[in-house]
Structure formats: structure tokens, C-alpha cells
Amino acid sequence: MELFKMAKETMAMRNKINEVDKKLKAQIIDVEYKGIKVQVNAKNEFLSLSIPDHILKENKDKVEKFILSAFVEANKKSQSIMTEEFKKLSGGIKIPGL
């Protein structure tokens, strides 16, 4: 009987994780850094990149630095949202890899 209870709890947790996964995928984050716009979802999947023409006239190193900074900022925001959602799901218990 205990095995069935564990299986049921496992399925419930899997369903909750799937719900959080869908929620994260649907949550869009827009980041702008020095005119460069990056759009990601809260699962840290990059959706778009927009670089204005005036930025492209800068030297290559500067443009690359701006782009990298925009991506880093988007990644930080995405990771923060993802962490908060999984904290809610786990009730504050730290789960390795999440």
C-alpha cells in the first residue's frame, strides 16, 4: 500500500513541475542594455535580439561587450524567477539541480 502512495505523490510532484515549467516558458522577460534588446523566457530560452543601427557602427569589441552584458542581465533575471518558482514548489527545500 505504501508503494502506491509514493507513486501517487511522485505523479503529483511531476504534474506540479510540469505546470511550473509551462509557466516559466510563458513568462517573457525583456532586457535592454545600451540600446540592445534581448528577450528571454523564464526558462532561460533566448527568444530575440535587437541591435540598433547606431550600435553596429561602434567598434567590434564594444558591440560584443554590450551584447554580452545584455545576455548576462537577461540570464540573471531568468535564473532569479526560475529559482523563486521552484522554491515555491519545493516549500523552501533545496533540491539539487533546480
Protein backbone atom coordinates (compact mmCIF):
# COMPACT_ATOMS: atom_id res chain seq x y z
CA MET A 1 0.00 0.00 0.00
CA GLU A 2 2.89 2.35 0.80
CA LEU A 3 4.25 1.89 -2.72
CA PHE A 4 1.01 3.16 -4.25
CA LYS A 5 1.07 6.21 -2.00
CA MET A 6 4.64 7.01 -3.05
CA ALA A 7 3.78 6.54 -6.73
CA LYS A 8 0.79 8.86 -6.37
CA GLU A 9 2.90 11.52 -4.63
CA THR A 10 5.56 11.21 -7.33
CA MET A 11 3.00 11.72 -10.07
CA ALA A 12 1.57 14.74 -8.24
CA MET A 13 5.04 16.27 -7.95
CA ARG A 14 5.75 15.58 -11.64
CA ASN A 15 2.49 17.32 -12.55
CA LYS A 16 3.41 20.34 -10.42
CA ILE A 17 6.86 20.51 -12.04
CA ASN A 18 5.26 20.37 -15.49
CA GLU A 19 2.92 23.23 -14.51
CA VAL A 20 5.84 25.35 -13.29
CA ASP A 21 7.74 24.50 -16.47
CA LYS A 22 4.86 25.76 -18.63
CA LYS A 23 4.52 28.88 -16.50
CA LEU A 24 8.24 29.66 -16.83
CA LYS A 25 8.16 29.10 -20.57
CA ALA A 26 5.25 31.53 -20.94
CA GLN A 27 6.79 34.28 -18.79
CA ILE A 28 8.65 36.69 -21.09
CA ILE A 29 11.50 38.87 -19.83
CA ASP A 30 12.62 41.95 -21.77
CA VAL A 31 16.07 43.37 -21.09
CA GLU A 32 17.61 46.46 -22.62
CA TYR A 33 21.26 47.35 -22.25
CA LYS A 34 22.65 50.44 -24.02
CA GLY A 35 20.01 50.10 -26.73
CA ILE A 36 20.45 46.36 -27.27
CA LYS A 37 17.25 44.47 -26.54
CA VAL A 38 17.17 40.82 -25.52
CA GLN A 39 14.04 38.80 -24.90
CA VAL A 40 14.09 35.52 -22.97
CA ASN A 41 11.55 33.43 -21.16
CA ALA A 42 11.92 32.47 -17.52
CA LYS A 43 13.29 29.06 -18.57
CA ASN A 44 16.29 30.99 -19.88
CA GLU A 45 15.46 30.30 -23.51
CA PHE A 46 16.55 33.24 -25.64
CA LEU A 47 13.78 34.43 -27.94
CA SER A 48 15.08 37.52 -29.69
CA LEU A 49 17.92 40.00 -30.03
CA SER A 50 17.63 43.52 -31.44
CA ILE A 51 20.64 45.72 -32.13
CA PRO A 52 20.01 49.27 -33.32
CA ASP A 53 21.98 50.51 -36.32
CA HIS A 54 23.88 53.14 -34.32
CA ILE A 55 25.34 50.40 -32.08
CA LEU A 56 26.56 48.47 -35.11
CA LYS A 57 28.65 51.49 -36.09
CA GLU A 58 30.69 51.11 -32.88
CA ASN A 59 33.89 49.09 -32.86
CA LYS A 60 33.53 45.31 -32.73
CA ASP A 61 34.84 44.90 -29.17
CA LYS A 62 32.38 47.45 -27.81
CA VAL A 63 29.43 45.85 -29.62
CA GLU A 64 30.39 42.40 -28.35
CA LYS A 65 30.70 43.72 -24.79
CA PHE A 66 27.25 45.36 -24.99
CA ILE A 67 25.66 42.19 -26.38
CA LEU A 68 27.30 40.01 -23.74
CA SER A 69 26.17 42.37 -20.97
CA ALA A 70 22.58 42.27 -22.25
CA PHE A 71 22.63 38.47 -22.31
CA VAL A 72 24.16 38.26 -18.82
CA GLU A 73 21.45 40.56 -17.42
CA ALA A 74 18.69 38.55 -19.11
CA ASN A 75 20.19 35.33 -17.74
CA LYS A 76 20.30 36.74 -14.19
CA LYS A 77 16.66 37.78 -14.32
CA SER A 78 15.59 34.43 -15.77
CA GLN A 79 17.54 32.46 -13.15
CA SER A 80 16.08 34.56 -10.36
CA ILE A 81 12.50 33.93 -11.49
CA MET A 82 13.18 30.22 -12.01
CA THR A 83 14.70 29.90 -8.54
CA GLU A 84 11.73 31.61 -6.91
CA GLU A 85 9.22 29.39 -8.69
CA PHE A 86 10.99 26.20 -7.66
CA LYS A 87 11.31 27.47 -4.07
CA LYS A 88 7.53 27.83 -4.01
CA LEU A 89 7.14 24.34 -5.43
CA SER A 90 9.54 22.69 -3.01
CA GLY A 91 8.34 24.61 0.02
CA GLY A 92 11.83 26.07 0.50
CA ILE A 93 13.61 22.72 0.47
CA LYS A 94 16.76 22.89 -1.65
CA ILE A 95 16.62 20.33 -4.45
CA PRO A 96 19.96 19.76 -6.19
CA GLY A 97 19.89 20.83 -9.83
CA LEU A 98 16.80 23.04 -9.50
